[in-house]
Amino acid sequence: LTPVPPVHLATKPQRALDVRERDTLDEAQLA
């Protein structure tokens, strides 16, 4: 993905995004 999601996982090539209640979600980026 471009840009690459920020969370590295042990299983490559998986990448993740953690979303907490206090976070501001970039809806356009997620879409």
PDB file of all heavy atoms in Angstrom:
ATOM      1  N   LEU A   1       0.823  -1.206   0.000  1.00  0.00           N
ATOM      2  CA  LEU A   1       0.000   0.000   0.000  1.00  0.00           C
ATOM      3  C   LEU A   1       0.861   1.261   0.000  1.00  0.00           C
ATOM      4  O   LEU A   1       1.981   1.261   0.486  1.00  0.00           O
ATOM      5  CB  LEU A   1      -0.918   0.011   1.224  1.00  0.00           C
ATOM      6  CG  LEU A   1      -1.946  -1.107   1.292  1.00  0.00           C
ATOM      7  CD1 LEU A   1      -2.644  -1.095   2.639  1.00  0.00           C
ATOM      8  CD2 LEU A   1      -2.948  -0.988   0.161  1.00  0.00           C
ATOM      9  N   THR A   2       0.295   2.330  -0.556  1.00  0.00           N
ATOM     10  CA  THR A   2       0.970   3.623  -0.594  1.00  0.00           C
ATOM     11  C   THR A   2       0.077   4.660   0.063  1.00  0.00           C
ATOM     12  O   THR A   2      -1.035   4.863  -0.408  1.00  0.00           O
ATOM     13  CB  THR A   2       1.265   4.045  -2.044  1.00  0.00           C
ATOM     14  OG1 THR A   2       2.039   3.028  -2.661  1.00  0.00           O
ATOM     15  CG2 THR A   2       2.010   5.350  -2.083  1.00  0.00           C
ATOM     16  N   PRO A   3       0.543   5.312   1.119  1.00  0.00           N
ATOM     17  CA  PRO A   3       1.722   4.974   1.906  1.00  0.00           C
ATOM     18  C   PRO A   3       1.472   3.702   2.713  1.00  0.00           C
ATOM     19  O   PRO A   3       0.329   3.296   2.892  1.00  0.00           O
ATOM     20  CB  PRO A   3       1.891   6.183   2.827  1.00  0.00           C
ATOM     21  CG  PRO A   3       0.526   6.728   3.004  1.00  0.00           C
ATOM     22  CD  PRO A   3      -0.181   6.459   1.688  1.00  0.00           C
ATOM     23  N   VAL A   4       2.533   3.093   3.174  1.00  0.00           N
ATOM     24  CA  VAL A   4       2.432   1.839   3.921  1.00  0.00           C
ATOM     25  C   VAL A   4       1.829   2.120   5.303  1.00  0.00           C
ATOM     26  O   VAL A   4       2.240   3.067   5.972  1.00  0.00           O
ATOM     27  CB  VAL A   4       3.834   1.195   4.057  1.00  0.00           C
ATOM     28  CG1 VAL A   4       3.778  -0.062   4.888  1.00  0.00           C
ATOM     29  CG2 VAL A   4       4.406   0.898   2.681  1.00  0.00           C
ATOM     30  N   PRO A   5       0.832   1.328   5.729  1.00  0.00           N
ATOM     31  CA  PRO A   5       0.278   1.507   7.072  1.00  0.00           C
ATOM     32  C   PRO A   5       1.382   1.414   8.141  1.00  0.00           C
ATOM     33  O   PRO A   5       2.368   0.699   7.958  1.00  0.00           O
ATOM     34  CB  PRO A   5      -0.729   0.370   7.205  1.00  0.00           C
ATOM     35  CG  PRO A   5      -1.153   0.104   5.795  1.00  0.00           C
ATOM     36  CD  PRO A   5       0.104   0.298   4.984  1.00  0.00           C
ATOM     37  N   PRO A   6       1.215   2.115   9.263  1.00  0.00           N
ATOM     38  CA  PRO A   6       2.306   2.299  10.217  1.00  0.00           C
ATOM     39  C   PRO A   6       2.703   1.115  11.086  1.00  0.00           C
ATOM     40  O   PRO A   6       3.826   1.080  11.595  1.00  0.00           O
ATOM     41  CB  PRO A   6       1.798   3.443  11.100  1.00  0.00           C
ATOM     42  CG  PRO A   6       0.324   3.343  11.030  1.00  0.00           C
ATOM     43  CD  PRO A   6       0.029   2.869   9.634  1.00  0.00           C
ATOM     44  N   VAL A   7       1.841   0.134  11.288  1.00  0.00           N
ATOM     45  CA  VAL A   7       2.136  -0.934  12.250  1.00  0.00           C
ATOM     46  C   VAL A   7       2.726  -2.145  11.540  1.00  0.00           C
ATOM     47  O   VAL A   7       2.080  -2.761  10.684  1.00  0.00           O
ATOM     48  CB  VAL A   7       0.873  -1.329  13.044  1.00  0.00           C
ATOM     49  CG1 VAL A   7       1.198  -2.436  14.037  1.00  0.00           C
ATOM     50  CG2 VAL A   7       0.290  -0.113  13.762  1.00  0.00           C
ATOM     51  N   HIS A   8       3.971  -2.488  11.912  1.00  0.00           N
ATOM     52  CA  HIS A   8       4.635  -3.691  11.392  1.00  0.00           C
ATOM     53  C   HIS A   8       4.087  -4.907  12.127  1.00  0.00           C
ATOM     54  O   HIS A   8       3.869  -4.854  13.331  1.00  0.00           O
ATOM     55  CB  HIS A   8       6.146  -3.630  11.645  1.00  0.00           C
ATOM     56  CG  HIS A   8       6.830  -2.517  10.937  1.00  0.00           C
ATOM     57  ND1 HIS A   8       7.392  -2.668   9.704  1.00  0.00           N
ATOM     58  CD2 HIS A   8       7.038  -1.233  11.292  1.00  0.00           C
ATOM     59  CE1 HIS A   8       7.935  -1.517   9.329  1.00  0.00           C
ATOM     60  NE2 HIS A   8       7.721  -0.625  10.279  1.00  0.00           N
ATOM     61  N   LEU A   9       3.903  -6.000  11.421  1.00  0.00           N
ATOM     62  CA  LEU A   9       3.474  -7.248  12.035  1.00  0.00           C
ATOM     63  C   LEU A   9       4.522  -8.313  11.750  1.00  0.00           C
ATOM     64  O   LEU A   9       5.294  -8.212  10.802  1.00  0.00           O
ATOM     65  CB  LEU A   9       2.116  -7.680  11.488  1.00  0.00           C
ATOM     66  CG  LEU A   9       0.974  -6.696  11.742  1.00  0.00           C
ATOM     67  CD1 LEU A   9      -0.291  -7.157  11.045  1.00  0.00           C
ATOM     68  CD2 LEU A   9       0.723  -6.530  13.223  1.00  0.00           C
ATOM     69  N   ALA A  10       4.534  -9.341  12.578  1.00  0.00           N
ATOM     70  CA  ALA A  10       5.509 -10.414  12.412  1.00  0.00           C
ATOM     71  C   ALA A  10       5.315 -11.153  11.095  1.00  0.00           C
ATOM     72  O   ALA A  10       6.267 -11.668  10.522  1.00  0.00           O
ATOM     73  CB  ALA A  10       5.426 -11.380  13.587  1.00  0.00           C
ATOM     74  N   THR A  11       4.087 -11.225  10.637  1.00  0.00           N
ATOM     75  CA  THR A  11       3.782 -11.924   9.396  1.00  0.00           C
ATOM     76  C   THR A  11       3.854 -10.942   8.242  1.00  0.00           C
ATOM     77  O   THR A  11       2.969 -10.123   8.062  1.00  0.00           O
ATOM     78  CB  THR A  11       2.374 -12.552   9.457  1.00  0.00           C
ATOM     79  OG1 THR A  11       2.261 -13.322  10.639  1.00  0.00           O
ATOM     80  CG2 THR A  11       2.115 -13.412   8.249  1.00  0.00           C
ATOM     81  N   LYS A  12       4.935 -10.993   7.490  1.00  0.00           N
ATOM     82  CA  LYS A  12       5.072 -10.123   6.327  1.00  0.00           C
ATOM     83  C   LYS A  12       4.262 -10.714   5.197  1.00  0.00           C
ATOM     84  O   LYS A  12       4.173 -11.925   5.089  1.00  0.00           O
ATOM     85  CB  LYS A  12       6.539 -10.009   5.937  1.00  0.00           C
ATOM     86  CG  LYS A  12       7.352  -9.301   6.995  1.00  0.00           C
ATOM     87  CD  LYS A  12       8.793  -9.177   6.581  1.00  0.00           C
ATOM     88  CE  LYS A  12       9.587  -8.515   7.698  1.00  0.00           C
ATOM     89  NZ  LYS A  12      10.981  -8.412   7.378  1.00  0.00           N
ATOM     90  N   PRO A  13       3.651  -9.989   4.373  1.00  0.00           N
ATOM     91  CA  PRO A  13       3.693  -8.556   4.154  1.00  0.00           C
ATOM     92  C   PRO A  13       2.542  -7.798   4.826  1.00  0.00           C
ATOM     93  O   PRO A  13       2.171  -6.722   4.394  1.00  0.00           O
ATOM     94  CB  PRO A  13       3.605  -8.434   2.648  1.00  0.00           C
ATOM     95  CG  PRO A  13       2.670  -9.541   2.271  1.00  0.00           C
ATOM     96  CD  PRO A  13       3.000 -10.665   3.241  1.00  0.00           C
ATOM     97  N   GLN A  14       1.972  -8.384   5.882  1.00  0.00           N
ATOM     98  CA  GLN A  14       0.858  -7.717   6.549  1.00  0.00           C
ATOM     99  C   GLN A  14       1.298  -6.424   7.224  1.00  0.00           C
ATOM    100  O   GLN A  14       2.385  -6.345   7.775  1.00  0.00           O
ATOM    101  CB  GLN A  14       0.228  -8.641   7.594  1.00  0.00           C
ATOM    102  CG  GLN A  14      -0.415  -9.856   7.003  1.00  0.00           C
ATOM    103  CD  GLN A  14      -1.011 -10.753   8.063  1.00  0.00           C
ATOM    104  OE1 GLN A  14      -0.891 -10.512   9.251  1.00  0.00           O
ATOM    105  NE2 GLN A  14      -1.660 -11.811   7.626  1.00  0.00           N
ATOM    106  N   ARG A  15       0.450  -5.423   7.158  1.00  0.00           N
ATOM    107  CA  ARG A  15       0.644  -4.152   7.866  1.00  0.00           C
ATOM    108  C   ARG A  15      -0.695  -3.763   8.459  1.00  0.00           C
ATOM    109  O   ARG A  15      -1.744  -4.187   7.980  1.00  0.00           O
ATOM    110  CB  ARG A  15       1.126  -3.055   6.917  1.00  0.00           C
ATOM    111  CG  ARG A  15       2.505  -3.286   6.346  1.00  0.00           C
ATOM    112  CD  ARG A  15       3.608  -3.312   7.408  1.00  0.00           C
ATOM    113  NE  ARG A  15       3.796  -2.032   8.047  1.00  0.00           N
ATOM    114  CZ  ARG A  15       4.763  -1.175   7.767  1.00  0.00           C
ATOM    115  NH1 ARG A  15       5.674  -1.486   6.865  1.00  0.00           N
ATOM    116  NH2 ARG A  15       4.843  -0.027   8.392  1.00  0.00           N
ATOM    117  N   ALA A  16      -0.662  -2.950   9.518  1.00  0.00           N
ATOM    118  CA  ALA A  16      -1.888  -2.651  10.235  1.00  0.00           C
ATOM    119  C   ALA A  16      -1.990  -1.182  10.629  1.00  0.00           C
ATOM    120  O   ALA A  16      -1.012  -0.429  10.578  1.00  0.00           O
ATOM    121  CB  ALA A  16      -1.974  -3.527  11.488  1.00  0.00           C
ATOM    122  N   LEU A  17      -3.183  -0.831  11.051  1.00  0.00           N
ATOM    123  CA  LEU A  17      -3.475   0.481  11.600  1.00  0.00           C
ATOM    124  C   LEU A  17      -4.216   0.247  12.904  1.00  0.00           C
ATOM    125  O   LEU A  17      -5.218  -0.480  12.933  1.00  0.00           O
ATOM    126  CB  LEU A  17      -4.356   1.284  10.640  1.00  0.00           C
ATOM    127  CG  LEU A  17      -4.857   2.623  11.145  1.00  0.00           C
ATOM    128  CD1 LEU A  17      -3.685   3.604  11.298  1.00  0.00           C
ATOM    129  CD2 LEU A  17      -5.911   3.193  10.208  1.00  0.00           C
ATOM    130  N   ASP A  18      -3.711   0.808  14.000  1.00  0.00           N
ATOM    131  CA  ASP A  18      -4.402   0.758  15.282  1.00  0.00           C
ATOM    132  C   ASP A  18      -5.184   2.053  15.451  1.00  0.00           C
ATOM    133  O   ASP A  18      -4.650   3.139  15.230  1.00  0.00           O
ATOM    134  CB  ASP A  18      -3.407   0.605  16.437  1.00  0.00           C
ATOM    135  CG  ASP A  18      -2.739  -0.762  16.456  1.00  0.00           C
ATOM    136  OD1 ASP A  18      -3.299  -1.713  15.880  1.00  0.00           O
ATOM    137  OD2 ASP A  18      -1.666  -0.881  17.067  1.00  0.00           O
ATOM    138  N   VAL A  19      -6.445   1.933  15.845  1.00  0.00           N
ATOM    139  CA  VAL A  19      -7.302   3.102  16.010  1.00  0.00           C
ATOM    140  C   VAL A  19      -7.832   3.104  17.438  1.00  0.00           C
ATOM    141  O   VAL A  19      -8.496   2.153  17.860  1.00  0.00           O
ATOM    142  CB  VAL A  19      -8.482   3.084  15.014  1.00  0.00           C
ATOM    143  CG1 VAL A  19      -9.343   4.320  15.198  1.00  0.00           C
ATOM    144  CG2 VAL A  19      -7.984   2.975  13.583  1.00  0.00           C
ATOM    145  N   ARG A  20      -7.507   4.167  18.162  1.00  0.00           N
ATOM    146  CA  ARG A  20      -7.987   4.343  19.530  1.00  0.00           C
ATOM    147  C   ARG A  20      -9.033   5.449  19.553  1.00  0.00           C
ATOM    148  O   ARG A  20      -9.090   6.277  18.652  1.00  0.00           O
ATOM    149  CB  ARG A  20      -6.821   4.685  20.444  1.00  0.00           C
ATOM    150  CG  ARG A  20      -5.878   3.513  20.611  1.00  0.00           C
ATOM    151  CD  ARG A  20      -4.574   3.900  21.282  1.00  0.00           C
ATOM    152  NE  ARG A  20      -3.709   2.755  21.431  1.00  0.00           N
ATOM    153  CZ  ARG A  20      -2.991   2.207  20.464  1.00  0.00           C
ATOM    154  NH1 ARG A  20      -3.029   2.695  19.239  1.00  0.00           N
ATOM    155  NH2 ARG A  20      -2.234   1.165  20.695  1.00  0.00           N
ATOM    156  N   GLU A  21      -9.842   5.471  20.579  1.00  0.00           N
ATOM    157  CA  GLU A  21     -10.926   6.442  20.675  1.00  0.00           C
ATOM    158  C   GLU A  21     -10.426   7.883  20.572  1.00  0.00           C
ATOM    159  O   GLU A  21     -11.053   8.728  19.961  1.00  0.00           O
ATOM    160  CB  GLU A  21     -11.680   6.247  21.992  1.00  0.00           C
ATOM    161  CG  GLU A  21     -12.891   7.126  22.119  1.00  0.00           C
ATOM    162  CD  GLU A  21     -13.692   6.850  23.376  1.00  0.00           C
ATOM    163  OE1 GLU A  21     -13.361   5.925  24.128  1.00  0.00           O
ATOM    164  OE2 GLU A  21     -14.670   7.580  23.599  1.00  0.00           O
ATOM    165  N   ARG A  22      -9.276   8.165  21.155  1.00  0.00           N
ATOM    166  CA  ARG A  22      -8.762   9.539  21.163  1.00  0.00           C
ATOM    167  C   ARG A  22      -8.083   9.923  19.841  1.00  0.00           C
ATOM    168  O   ARG A  22      -7.761  11.080  19.628  1.00  0.00           O
ATOM    169  CB  ARG A  22      -7.785   9.724  22.316  1.00  0.00           C
ATOM    170  CG  ARG A  22      -6.500   8.930  22.152  1.00  0.00           C
ATOM    171  CD  ARG A  22      -5.573   9.074  23.343  1.00  0.00           C
ATOM    172  NE  ARG A  22      -4.359   8.333  23.157  1.00  0.00           N
ATOM    173  CZ  ARG A  22      -4.193   7.047  23.428  1.00  0.00           C
ATOM    174  NH1 ARG A  22      -5.201   6.337  23.912  1.00  0.00           N
ATOM    175  NH2 ARG A  22      -3.035   6.455  23.224  1.00  0.00           N
ATOM    176  N   ASP A  23      -7.845   8.960  18.966  1.00  0.00           N
ATOM    177  CA  ASP A  23      -7.171   9.224  17.697  1.00  0.00           C
ATOM    178  C   ASP A  23      -8.073   9.982  16.729  1.00  0.00           C
ATOM    179  O   ASP A  23      -9.298   9.840  16.751  1.00  0.00           O
ATOM    180  CB  ASP A  23      -6.742   7.923  17.013  1.00  0.00           C
ATOM    181  CG  ASP A  23      -5.650   7.188  17.762  1.00  0.00           C
ATOM    182  OD1 ASP A  23      -5.007   7.790  18.642  1.00  0.00           O
ATOM    183  OD2 ASP A  23      -5.451   5.990  17.473  1.00  0.00           O
ATOM    184  N   THR A  24      -7.451  10.765  15.879  1.00  0.00           N
ATOM    185  CA  THR A  24      -8.146  11.376  14.756  1.00  0.00           C
ATOM    186  C   THR A  24      -7.925  10.471  13.555  1.00  0.00           C
ATOM    187  O   THR A  24      -6.791  10.283  13.115  1.00  0.00           O
ATOM    188  CB  THR A  24      -7.590  12.785  14.470  1.00  0.00           C
ATOM    189  OG1 THR A  24      -7.766  13.587  15.634  1.00  0.00           O
ATOM    190  CG2 THR A  24      -8.303  13.417  13.298  1.00  0.00           C
ATOM    191  N   LEU A  25      -8.981   9.875  13.068  1.00  0.00           N
ATOM    192  CA  LEU A  25      -8.889   8.943  11.953  1.00  0.00           C
ATOM    193  C   LEU A  25      -8.838   9.708  10.642  1.00  0.00           C
ATOM    194  O   LEU A  25      -9.688  10.553  10.368  1.00  0.00           O
ATOM    195  CB  LEU A  25     -10.083   7.995  11.957  1.00  0.00           C
ATOM    196  CG  LEU A  25     -10.123   6.948  10.850  1.00  0.00           C
ATOM    197  CD1 LEU A  25      -8.928   6.016  10.939  1.00  0.00           C
ATOM    198  CD2 LEU A  25     -11.426   6.162  10.943  1.00  0.00           C
ATOM    199  N   ASP A  26      -7.837   9.406   9.839  1.00  0.00           N
ATOM    200  CA  ASP A  26      -7.735   9.991   8.506  1.00  0.00           C
ATOM    201  C   ASP A  26      -8.603   9.129   7.582  1.00  0.00           C
ATOM    202  O   ASP A  26      -8.145   8.140   7.011  1.00  0.00           O
ATOM    203  CB  ASP A  26      -6.275  10.011   8.051  1.00  0.00           C
ATOM    204  CG  ASP A  26      -6.073  10.704   6.719  1.00  0.00           C
ATOM    205  OD1 ASP A  26      -7.052  10.867   5.955  1.00  0.00           O
ATOM    206  OD2 ASP A  26      -4.918  11.079   6.434  1.00  0.00           O
ATOM    207  N   GLU A  27      -9.858   9.503   7.476  1.00  0.00           N
ATOM    208  CA  GLU A  27     -10.813   8.707   6.712  1.00  0.00           C
ATOM    209  C   GLU A  27     -10.445   8.602   5.240  1.00  0.00           C
ATOM    210  O   GLU A  27     -10.632   7.548   4.625  1.00  0.00           O
ATOM    211  CB  GLU A  27     -12.213   9.288   6.866  1.00  0.00           C
ATOM    212  CG  GLU A  27     -12.738   9.182   8.281  1.00  0.00           C
ATOM    213  CD  GLU A  27     -14.102   9.818   8.458  1.00  0.00           C
ATOM    214  OE1 GLU A  27     -14.854   9.927   7.465  1.00  0.00           O
ATOM    215  OE2 GLU A  27     -14.415  10.200   9.593  1.00  0.00           O
ATOM    216  N   ALA A  28      -9.907   9.657   4.678  1.00  0.00           N
ATOM    217  CA  ALA A  28      -9.504   9.621   3.272  1.00  0.00           C
ATOM    218  C   ALA A  28      -8.367   8.626   3.060  1.00  0.00           C
ATOM    219  O   ALA A  28      -8.366   7.878   2.071  1.00  0.00           O
ATOM    220  CB  ALA A  28      -9.092  11.013   2.794  1.00  0.00           C
ATOM    221  N   GLN A  29      -7.413   8.588   3.998  1.00  0.00           N
ATOM    222  CA  GLN A  29      -6.295   7.637   3.883  1.00  0.00           C
ATOM    223  C   GLN A  29      -6.793   6.209   3.999  1.00  0.00           C
ATOM    224  O   GLN A  29      -6.402   5.333   3.233  1.00  0.00           O
ATOM    225  CB  GLN A  29      -5.241   7.910   4.959  1.00  0.00           C
ATOM    226  CG  GLN A  29      -4.047   6.973   4.881  1.00  0.00           C
ATOM    227  CD  GLN A  29      -3.321   7.110   3.566  1.00  0.00           C
ATOM    228  OE1 GLN A  29      -2.642   8.079   3.356  1.00  0.00           O
ATOM    229  NE2 GLN A  29      -3.493   6.157   2.679  1.00  0.00           N
ATOM    230  N   LEU A  30      -7.651   5.965   4.977  1.00  0.00           N
ATOM    231  CA  LEU A  30      -8.202   4.625   5.154  1.00  0.00           C
ATOM    232  C   LEU A  30      -8.977   4.193   3.912  1.00  0.00           C
ATOM    233  O   LEU A  30      -8.819   3.067   3.431  1.00  0.00           O
ATOM    234  CB  LEU A  30      -9.091   4.575   6.399  1.00  0.00           C
ATOM    235  CG  LEU A  30      -9.743   3.229   6.693  1.00  0.00           C
ATOM    236  CD1 LEU A  30      -8.700   2.121   6.827  1.00  0.00           C
ATOM    237  CD2 LEU A  30     -10.594   3.333   7.946  1.00  0.00           C
ATOM    238  N   ALA A  31      -9.789   5.083   3.371  1.00  0.00           N
ATOM    239  CA  ALA A  31     -10.540   4.763   2.148  1.00  0.00           C
ATOM    240  C   ALA A  31      -9.594   4.464   0.993  1.00  0.00           C
ATOM    241  O   ALA A  31      -9.845   3.552   0.189  1.00  0.00           O
ATOM    242  CB  ALA A  31     -11.475   5.914   1.790  1.00  0.00           C
TER     243      ALA A  31
END
